Amino acid sequence: MNDKLDHFVLEYDGESGIALLAMTEGDGSRIADGAGLPYALARGYDADARTWESIEPFVDVTRVKLRYEKACGREYVPTGGKKL
């Protein structure tokens, strides 16, 4: 078994079982750079197998955050409703 993490859970919604993940380098040493697939939306964690039922990759943290909040049934405005 590989003890290195291939992701970190940034946010987890226990009600829906959905997580926002930051993916790591292959050796688990650091967050993957923007050239890879640094973020993911994951569903259905199996604690015994230590795996997710599905993982949807994203390269942009804003897009995955919007998708995460929508999947959890919440409205989310990245700028807090303020125009930049």
PDB file of N, CA and C in Angstrom:
ATOM      1  N   MET A   1       0.844  -1.190   0.000  1.00  0.00           N
ATOM      2  CA  MET A   1       0.000   0.000   0.000  1.00  0.00           C
ATOM      3  C   MET A   1       0.879   1.239   0.000  1.00  0.00           C
ATOM      4  N   ASN A   2       0.501   2.238  -0.789  1.00  0.00           N
ATOM      5  CA  ASN A   2       1.224   3.495  -0.866  1.00  0.00           C
ATOM      6  C   ASN A   2       0.724   4.418   0.249  1.00  0.00           C
ATOM      7  N   ASP A   3       1.625   4.848   1.126  1.00  0.00           N
ATOM      8  CA  ASP A   3       1.231   5.733   2.219  1.00  0.00           C
ATOM      9  C   ASP A   3       1.237   7.201   1.830  1.00  0.00           C
ATOM     10  N   LYS A   4       1.640   7.514   0.601  1.00  0.00           N
ATOM     11  CA  LYS A   4       1.675   8.901   0.133  1.00  0.00           C
ATOM     12  C   LYS A   4       0.276   9.333  -0.286  1.00  0.00           C
ATOM     13  N   LEU A   5      -0.093  10.536   0.070  1.00  0.00           N
ATOM     14  CA  LEU A   5      -1.405  11.060  -0.314  1.00  0.00           C
ATOM     15  C   LEU A   5      -1.373  11.557  -1.744  1.00  0.00           C
ATOM     16  N   ASP A   6      -2.411  11.272  -2.511  1.00  0.00           N
ATOM     17  CA  ASP A   6      -2.490  11.814  -3.855  1.00  0.00           C
ATOM     18  C   ASP A   6      -3.402  13.032  -3.907  1.00  0.00           C
ATOM     19  N   HIS A   7      -3.961  13.389  -2.744  1.00  0.00           N
ATOM     20  CA  HIS A   7      -4.789  14.593  -2.671  1.00  0.00           C
ATOM     21  C   HIS A   7      -4.945  15.029  -1.215  1.00  0.00           C
ATOM     22  N   PHE A   8      -5.348  16.296  -1.062  1.00  0.00           N
ATOM     23  CA  PHE A   8      -5.733  16.839   0.237  1.00  0.00           C
ATOM     24  C   PHE A   8      -7.181  17.283   0.126  1.00  0.00           C
ATOM     25  N   VAL A   9      -7.964  17.044   1.150  1.00  0.00           N
ATOM     26  CA  VAL A   9      -9.352  17.509   1.172  1.00  0.00           C
ATOM     27  C   VAL A   9      -9.350  18.947   1.672  1.00  0.00           C
ATOM     28  N   LEU A  10      -9.749  19.869   0.799  1.00  0.00           N
ATOM     29  CA  LEU A  10      -9.824  21.277   1.177  1.00  0.00           C
ATOM     30  C   LEU A  10     -11.144  21.586   1.872  1.00  0.00           C
ATOM     31  N   GLU A  11     -12.226  21.006   1.366  1.00  0.00           N
ATOM     32  CA  GLU A  11     -13.548  21.175   1.971  1.00  0.00           C
ATOM     33  C   GLU A  11     -14.310  19.872   1.806  1.00  0.00           C
ATOM     34  N   TYR A  12     -15.149  19.558   2.785  1.00  0.00           N
ATOM     35  CA  TYR A  12     -15.978  18.360   2.711  1.00  0.00           C
ATOM     36  C   TYR A  12     -17.353  18.682   3.252  1.00  0.00           C
ATOM     37  N   ASP A  13     -18.381  18.300   2.507  1.00  0.00           N
ATOM     38  CA  ASP A  13     -19.758  18.486   2.941  1.00  0.00           C
ATOM     39  C   ASP A  13     -20.304  17.121   3.351  1.00  0.00           C
ATOM     40  N   GLY A  14     -20.435  16.917   4.649  1.00  0.00           N
ATOM     41  CA  GLY A  14     -20.873  15.631   5.172  1.00  0.00           C
ATOM     42  C   GLY A  14     -22.271  15.241   4.756  1.00  0.00           C
ATOM     43  N   GLU A  15     -23.129  16.213   4.559  1.00  0.00           N
ATOM     44  CA  GLU A  15     -24.509  15.930   4.179  1.00  0.00           C
ATOM     45  C   GLU A  15     -24.595  15.325   2.778  1.00  0.00           C
ATOM     46  N   SER A  16     -23.840  15.893   1.841  1.00  0.00           N
ATOM     47  CA  SER A  16     -23.879  15.407   0.458  1.00  0.00           C
ATOM     48  C   SER A  16     -22.790  14.387   0.151  1.00  0.00           C
ATOM     49  N   GLY A  17     -21.748  14.337   0.988  1.00  0.00           N
ATOM     50  CA  GLY A  17     -20.631  13.434   0.734  1.00  0.00           C
ATOM     51  C   GLY A  17     -19.724  13.899  -0.387  1.00  0.00           C
ATOM     52  N   ILE A  18     -19.752  15.205  -0.651  1.00  0.00           N
ATOM     53  CA  ILE A  18     -18.957  15.788  -1.736  1.00  0.00           C
ATOM     54  C   ILE A  18     -17.757  16.513  -1.145  1.00  0.00           C
ATOM     55  N   ALA A  19     -16.620  16.403  -1.845  1.00  0.00           N
ATOM     56  CA  ALA A  19     -15.395  17.041  -1.367  1.00  0.00           C
ATOM     57  C   ALA A  19     -14.728  17.848  -2.465  1.00  0.00           C
ATOM     58  N   LEU A  20     -14.052  18.907  -2.047  1.00  0.00           N
ATOM     59  CA  LEU A  20     -13.203  19.710  -2.918  1.00  0.00           C
ATOM     60  C   LEU A  20     -11.774  19.297  -2.591  1.00  0.00           C
ATOM     61  N   LEU A  21     -11.057  18.803  -3.590  1.00  0.00           N
ATOM     62  CA  LEU A  21      -9.721  18.272  -3.381  1.00  0.00           C
ATOM     63  C   LEU A  21      -8.648  19.120  -4.048  1.00  0.00           C
ATOM     64  N   ALA A  22      -7.455  19.117  -3.470  1.00  0.00           N
ATOM     65  CA  ALA A  22      -6.253  19.647  -4.107  1.00  0.00           C
ATOM     66  C   ALA A  22      -5.374  18.436  -4.369  1.00  0.00           C
ATOM     67  N   MET A  23      -5.023  18.223  -5.625  1.00  0.00           N
ATOM     68  CA  MET A  23      -4.239  17.055  -5.997  1.00  0.00           C
ATOM     69  C   MET A  23      -2.754  17.321  -5.735  1.00  0.00           C
ATOM     70  N   THR A  24      -1.998  16.255  -5.475  1.00  0.00           N
ATOM     71  CA  THR A  24      -0.574  16.390  -5.180  1.00  0.00           C
ATOM     72  C   THR A  24       0.274  15.799  -6.297  1.00  0.00           C
ATOM     73  N   GLU A  25       1.566  16.045  -6.198  1.00  0.00           N
ATOM     74  CA  GLU A  25       2.525  15.390  -7.091  1.00  0.00           C
ATOM     75  C   GLU A  25       2.417  13.890  -6.868  1.00  0.00           C
ATOM     76  N   GLY A  26       2.947  13.096  -7.762  1.00  0.00           N
ATOM     77  CA  GLY A  26       2.871  11.648  -7.668  1.00  0.00           C
ATOM     78  C   GLY A  26       3.421  11.082  -6.367  1.00  0.00           C
ATOM     79  N   ASP A  27       4.428  11.742  -5.795  1.00  0.00           N
ATOM     80  CA  ASP A  27       5.011  11.237  -4.556  1.00  0.00           C
ATOM     81  C   ASP A  27       4.356  11.837  -3.312  1.00  0.00           C
ATOM     82  N   GLY A  28       3.314  12.647  -3.503  1.00  0.00           N
ATOM     83  CA  GLY A  28       2.594  13.223  -2.378  1.00  0.00           C
ATOM     84  C   GLY A  28       3.323  14.353  -1.688  1.00  0.00           C
ATOM     85  N   SER A  29       4.383  14.865  -2.302  1.00  0.00           N
ATOM     86  CA  SER A  29       5.226  15.847  -1.629  1.00  0.00           C
ATOM     87  C   SER A  29       4.674  17.263  -1.625  1.00  0.00           C
ATOM     88  N   ARG A  30       3.921  17.630  -2.661  1.00  0.00           N
ATOM     89  CA  ARG A  30       3.402  18.994  -2.713  1.00  0.00           C
ATOM     90  C   ARG A  30       2.207  19.047  -3.647  1.00  0.00           C
ATOM     91  N   ILE A  31       1.492  20.159  -3.578  1.00  0.00           N
ATOM     92  CA  ILE A  31       0.344  20.346  -4.473  1.00  0.00           C
ATOM     93  C   ILE A  31       0.843  20.412  -5.905  1.00  0.00           C
ATOM     94  N   ALA A  32       0.168  19.738  -6.814  1.00  0.00           N
ATOM     95  CA  ALA A  32       0.560  19.739  -8.217  1.00  0.00           C
ATOM     96  C   ALA A  32       0.526  21.153  -8.770  1.00  0.00           C
ATOM     97  N   ASP A  33       1.377  21.436  -9.728  1.00  0.00           N
ATOM     98  CA  ASP A  33       1.392  22.778 -10.312  1.00  0.00           C
ATOM     99  C   ASP A  33       0.245  22.924 -11.317  1.00  0.00           C
ATOM    100  N   GLY A  34       0.075  24.123 -11.827  1.00  0.00           N
ATOM    101  CA  GLY A  34      -1.040  24.418 -12.721  1.00  0.00           C
ATOM    102  C   GLY A  34      -1.017  23.649 -14.025  1.00  0.00           C
ATOM    103  N   ALA A  35       0.104  23.032 -14.384  1.00  0.00           N
ATOM    104  CA  ALA A  35       0.194  22.275 -15.624  1.00  0.00           C
ATOM    105  C   ALA A  35      -0.534  20.932 -15.512  1.00  0.00           C
ATOM    106  N   GLY A  36      -0.745  20.474 -14.297  1.00  0.00           N
ATOM    107  CA  GLY A  36      -1.427  19.199 -14.092  1.00  0.00           C
ATOM    108  C   GLY A  36      -2.906  19.396 -13.872  1.00  0.00           C
ATOM    109  N   LEU A  37      -3.481  18.563 -13.070  1.00  0.00           N
ATOM    110  CA  LEU A  37      -4.890  18.687 -12.689  1.00  0.00           C
ATOM    111  C   LEU A  37      -4.928  18.945 -11.193  1.00  0.00           C
ATOM    112  N   PRO A  38      -4.731  20.191 -10.787  1.00  0.00           N
ATOM    113  CA  PRO A  38      -4.532  20.471  -9.371  1.00  0.00           C
ATOM    114  C   PRO A  38      -5.763  20.399  -8.472  1.00  0.00           C
ATOM    115  N   TYR A  39      -6.968  20.427  -9.027  1.00  0.00           N
ATOM    116  CA  TYR A  39      -8.169  20.414  -8.188  1.00  0.00           C
ATOM    117  C   TYR A  39      -9.153  19.377  -8.698  1.00  0.00           C
ATOM    118  N   ALA A  40     -10.044  18.931  -7.813  1.00  0.00           N
ATOM    119  CA  ALA A  40     -11.051  17.957  -8.220  1.00  0.00           C
ATOM    120  C   ALA A  40     -12.269  18.053  -7.317  1.00  0.00           C
ATOM    121  N   LEU A  41     -13.399  17.671  -7.873  1.00  0.00           N
ATOM    122  CA  LEU A  41     -14.643  17.520  -7.133  1.00  0.00           C
ATOM    123  C   LEU A  41     -14.850  16.017  -6.994  1.00  0.00           C
ATOM    124  N   ALA A  42     -14.971  15.538  -5.777  1.00  0.00           N
ATOM    125  CA  ALA A  42     -15.082  14.095  -5.538  1.00  0.00           C
ATOM    126  C   ALA A  42     -16.376  13.765  -4.808  1.00  0.00           C
ATOM    127  N   ARG A  43     -16.883  12.575  -5.099  1.00  0.00           N
ATOM    128  CA  ARG A  43     -18.126  12.102  -4.465  1.00  0.00           C
ATOM    129  C   ARG A  43     -17.943  10.665  -3.999  1.00  0.00           C
ATOM    130  N   GLY A  44     -18.649  10.325  -2.940  1.00  0.00           N
ATOM    131  CA  GLY A  44     -18.749   8.945  -2.498  1.00  0.00           C
ATOM    132  C   GLY A  44     -17.469   8.336  -1.960  1.00  0.00           C
ATOM    133  N   TYR A  45     -16.986   8.829  -0.838  1.00  0.00           N
ATOM    134  CA  TYR A  45     -15.756   8.295  -0.254  1.00  0.00           C
ATOM    135  C   TYR A  45     -15.998   6.938   0.400  1.00  0.00           C
ATOM    136  N   ASP A  46     -15.155   5.977   0.078  1.00  0.00           N
ATOM    137  CA  ASP A  46     -15.189   4.654   0.699  1.00  0.00           C
ATOM    138  C   ASP A  46     -14.010   4.589   1.664  1.00  0.00           C
ATOM    139  N   ALA A  47     -14.280   4.708   2.951  1.00  0.00           N
ATOM    140  CA  ALA A  47     -13.224   4.779   3.960  1.00  0.00           C
ATOM    141  C   ALA A  47     -12.393   3.500   4.027  1.00  0.00           C
ATOM    142  N   ASP A  48     -13.012   2.348   3.842  1.00  0.00           N
ATOM    143  CA  ASP A  48     -12.266   1.090   3.903  1.00  0.00           C
ATOM    144  C   ASP A  48     -11.261   0.980   2.761  1.00  0.00           C
ATOM    145  N   ALA A  49     -11.687   1.349   1.561  1.00  0.00           N
ATOM    146  CA  ALA A  49     -10.818   1.260   0.390  1.00  0.00           C
ATOM    147  C   ALA A  49      -9.953   2.511   0.210  1.00  0.00           C
ATOM    148  N   ARG A  50     -10.312   3.571   0.939  1.00  0.00           N
ATOM    149  CA  ARG A  50      -9.621   4.864   0.821  1.00  0.00           C
ATOM    150  C   ARG A  50      -9.653   5.389  -0.614  1.00  0.00           C
ATOM    151  N   THR A  51     -10.849   5.291  -1.228  1.00  0.00           N
ATOM    152  CA  THR A  51     -11.033   5.754  -2.602  1.00  0.00           C
ATOM    153  C   THR A  51     -12.337   6.540  -2.719  1.00  0.00           C
ATOM    154  N   TRP A  52     -12.454   7.301  -3.797  1.00  0.00           N
ATOM    155  CA  TRP A  52     -13.666   8.050  -4.113  1.00  0.00           C
ATOM    156  C   TRP A  52     -14.400   7.331  -5.234  1.00  0.00           C
ATOM    157  N   GLU A  53     -15.728   7.384  -5.198  1.00  0.00           N
ATOM    158  CA  GLU A  53     -16.550   6.778  -6.242  1.00  0.00           C
ATOM    159  C   GLU A  53     -16.318   7.483  -7.575  1.00  0.00           C
ATOM    160  N   SER A  54     -16.249   8.813  -7.544  1.00  0.00           N
ATOM    161  CA  SER A  54     -15.988   9.572  -8.766  1.00  0.00           C
ATOM    162  C   SER A  54     -15.167  10.815  -8.441  1.00  0.00           C
ATOM    163  N   ILE A  55     -14.305  11.179  -9.383  1.00  0.00           N
ATOM    164  CA  ILE A  55     -13.479  12.381  -9.257  1.00  0.00           C
ATOM    165  C   ILE A  55     -13.539  13.131 -10.574  1.00  0.00           C
ATOM    166  N   GLU A  56     -13.953  14.405 -10.514  1.00  0.00           N
ATOM    167  CA  GLU A  56     -14.038  15.263 -11.686  1.00  0.00           C
ATOM    168  C   GLU A  56     -12.909  16.295 -11.593  1.00  0.00           C
ATOM    169  N   PRO A  57     -11.917  16.243 -12.492  1.00  0.00           N
ATOM    170  CA  PRO A  57     -10.765  17.147 -12.412  1.00  0.00           C
ATOM    171  C   PRO A  57     -11.075  18.558 -12.914  1.00  0.00           C
ATOM    172  N   PHE A  58     -10.380  19.532 -12.333  1.00  0.00           N
ATOM    173  CA  PHE A  58     -10.470  20.937 -12.724  1.00  0.00           C
ATOM    174  C   PHE A  58      -9.067  21.535 -12.688  1.00  0.00           C
ATOM    175  N   VAL A  59      -8.802  22.487 -13.560  1.00  0.00           N
ATOM    176  CA  VAL A  59      -7.509  23.178 -13.520  1.00  0.00           C
ATOM    177  C   VAL A  59      -7.627  24.538 -12.833  1.00  0.00           C
ATOM    178  N   ASP A  60      -8.832  24.989 -12.579  1.00  0.00           N
ATOM    179  CA  ASP A  60      -9.061  26.317 -12.012  1.00  0.00           C
ATOM    180  C   ASP A  60      -9.799  26.197 -10.683  1.00  0.00           C
ATOM    181  N   VAL A  61      -9.232  26.757  -9.625  1.00  0.00           N
ATOM    182  CA  VAL A  61      -9.822  26.640  -8.295  1.00  0.00           C
ATOM    183  C   VAL A  61     -11.183  27.342  -8.206  1.00  0.00           C
ATOM    184  N   THR A  62     -11.361  28.446  -8.934  1.00  0.00           N
ATOM    185  CA  THR A  62     -12.647  29.150  -8.893  1.00  0.00           C
ATOM    186  C   THR A  62     -13.748  28.291  -9.492  1.00  0.00           C
ATOM    187  N   ARG A  63     -13.460  27.645 -10.611  1.00  0.00           N
ATOM    188  CA  ARG A  63     -14.475  26.792 -11.250  1.00  0.00           C
ATOM    189  C   ARG A  63     -14.850  25.602 -10.372  1.00  0.00           C
ATOM    190  N   VAL A  64     -13.868  24.967  -9.756  1.00  0.00           N
ATOM    191  CA  VAL A  64     -14.191  23.819  -8.912  1.00  0.00           C
ATOM    192  C   VAL A  64     -14.931  24.264  -7.650  1.00  0.00           C
ATOM    193  N   LYS A  65     -14.610  25.430  -7.128  1.00  0.00           N
ATOM    194  CA  LYS A  65     -15.313  25.945  -5.946  1.00  0.00           C
ATOM    195  C   LYS A  65     -16.775  26.230  -6.289  1.00  0.00           C
ATOM    196  N   LEU A  66     -17.025  26.843  -7.442  1.00  0.00           N
ATOM    197  CA  LEU A  66     -18.403  27.103  -7.871  1.00  0.00           C
ATOM    198  C   LEU A  66     -19.171  25.791  -8.047  1.00  0.00           C
ATOM    199  N   ARG A  67     -18.529  24.807  -8.669  1.00  0.00           N
ATOM    200  CA  ARG A  67     -19.164  23.504  -8.895  1.00  0.00           C
ATOM    201  C   ARG A  67     -19.425  22.786  -7.569  1.00  0.00           C
ATOM    202  N   TYR A  68     -18.476  22.890  -6.649  1.00  0.00           N
ATOM    203  CA  TYR A  68     -18.619  22.274  -5.323  1.00  0.00           C
ATOM    204  C   TYR A  68     -19.816  22.853  -4.581  1.00  0.00           C
ATOM    205  N   GLU A  69     -19.890  24.177  -4.514  1.00  0.00           N
ATOM    206  CA  GLU A  69     -20.997  24.824  -3.794  1.00  0.00           C
ATOM    207  C   GLU A  69     -22.344  24.485  -4.426  1.00  0.00           C
ATOM    208  N   LYS A  70     -22.408  24.490  -5.759  1.00  0.00           N
ATOM    209  CA  LYS A  70     -23.660  24.155  -6.449  1.00  0.00           C
ATOM    210  C   LYS A  70     -24.050  22.704  -6.154  1.00  0.00           C
ATOM    211  N   ALA A  71     -23.074  21.787  -6.197  1.00  0.00           N
ATOM    212  CA  ALA A  71     -23.344  20.380  -5.925  1.00  0.00           C
ATOM    213  C   ALA A  71     -23.827  20.160  -4.493  1.00  0.00           C
ATOM    214  N   CYS A  72     -23.386  21.032  -3.578  1.00  0.00           N
ATOM    215  CA  CYS A  72     -23.805  20.951  -2.172  1.00  0.00           C
ATOM    216  C   CYS A  72     -25.119  21.679  -1.929  1.00  0.00           C
ATOM    217  N   GLY A  73     -25.678  22.283  -2.982  1.00  0.00           N
ATOM    218  CA  GLY A  73     -26.967  22.964  -2.875  1.00  0.00           C
ATOM    219  C   GLY A  73     -26.880  24.368  -2.311  1.00  0.00           C
ATOM    220  N   ARG A  74     -25.707  24.984  -2.442  1.00  0.00           N
ATOM    221  CA  ARG A  74     -25.528  26.345  -1.927  1.00  0.00           C
ATOM    222  C   ARG A  74     -25.207  27.300  -3.058  1.00  0.00           C
ATOM    223  N   GLU A  75     -25.618  28.542  -2.890  1.00  0.00           N
ATOM    224  CA  GLU A  75     -25.254  29.571  -3.843  1.00  0.00           C
ATOM    225  C   GLU A  75     -23.942  30.187  -3.387  1.00  0.00           C
ATOM    226  N   TYR A  76     -23.069  30.458  -4.326  1.00  0.00           N
ATOM    227  CA  TYR A  76     -21.753  30.997  -3.992  1.00  0.00           C
ATOM    228  C   TYR A  76     -21.359  32.051  -5.007  1.00  0.00           C
ATOM    229  N   VAL A  77     -20.978  33.229  -4.511  1.00  0.00           N
ATOM    230  CA  VAL A  77     -20.507  34.311  -5.366  1.00  0.00           C
ATOM    231  C   VAL A  77     -19.063  34.588  -4.956  1.00  0.00           C
ATOM    232  N   PRO A  78     -18.087  34.320  -5.849  1.00  0.00           N
ATOM    233  CA  PRO A  78     -16.671  34.455  -5.472  1.00  0.00           C
ATOM    234  C   PRO A  78     -16.258  35.823  -4.952  1.00  0.00           C
ATOM    235  N   THR A  79     -16.895  36.879  -5.414  1.00  0.00           N
ATOM    236  CA  THR A  79     -16.518  38.223  -4.977  1.00  0.00           C
ATOM    237  C   THR A  79     -17.353  38.715  -3.809  1.00  0.00           C
ATOM    238  N   GLY A  80     -18.138  37.851  -3.255  1.00  0.00           N
ATOM    239  CA  GLY A  80     -19.005  38.254  -2.149  1.00  0.00           C
ATOM    240  C   GLY A  80     -20.108  39.217  -2.612  1.00  0.00           C
ATOM    241  N   GLY A  81     -20.441  39.155  -3.901  1.00  0.00           N
ATOM    242  CA  GLY A  81     -21.482  40.009  -4.468  1.00  0.00           C
ATOM    243  C   GLY A  81     -20.994  41.380  -4.874  1.00  0.00           C
ATOM    244  N   LYS A  82     -19.716  41.676  -4.667  1.00  0.00           N
ATOM    245  CA  LYS A  82     -19.158  42.982  -5.024  1.00  0.00           C
ATOM    246  C   LYS A  82     -18.557  42.937  -6.415  1.00  0.00           C
ATOM    247  N   LYS A  83     -18.758  44.002  -7.178  1.00  0.00           N
ATOM    248  CA  LYS A  83     -18.147  44.085  -8.499  1.00  0.00           C
ATOM    249  C   LYS A  83     -16.702  44.514  -8.338  1.00  0.00           C
ATOM    250  N   LEU A  84     -15.840  43.884  -9.093  1.00  0.00           N
ATOM    251  CA  LEU A  84     -14.419  44.211  -9.023  1.00  0.00           C
ATOM    252  C   LEU A  84     -14.060  45.321  -9.974  1.00  0.00           C
TER     253      LEU A  84
END
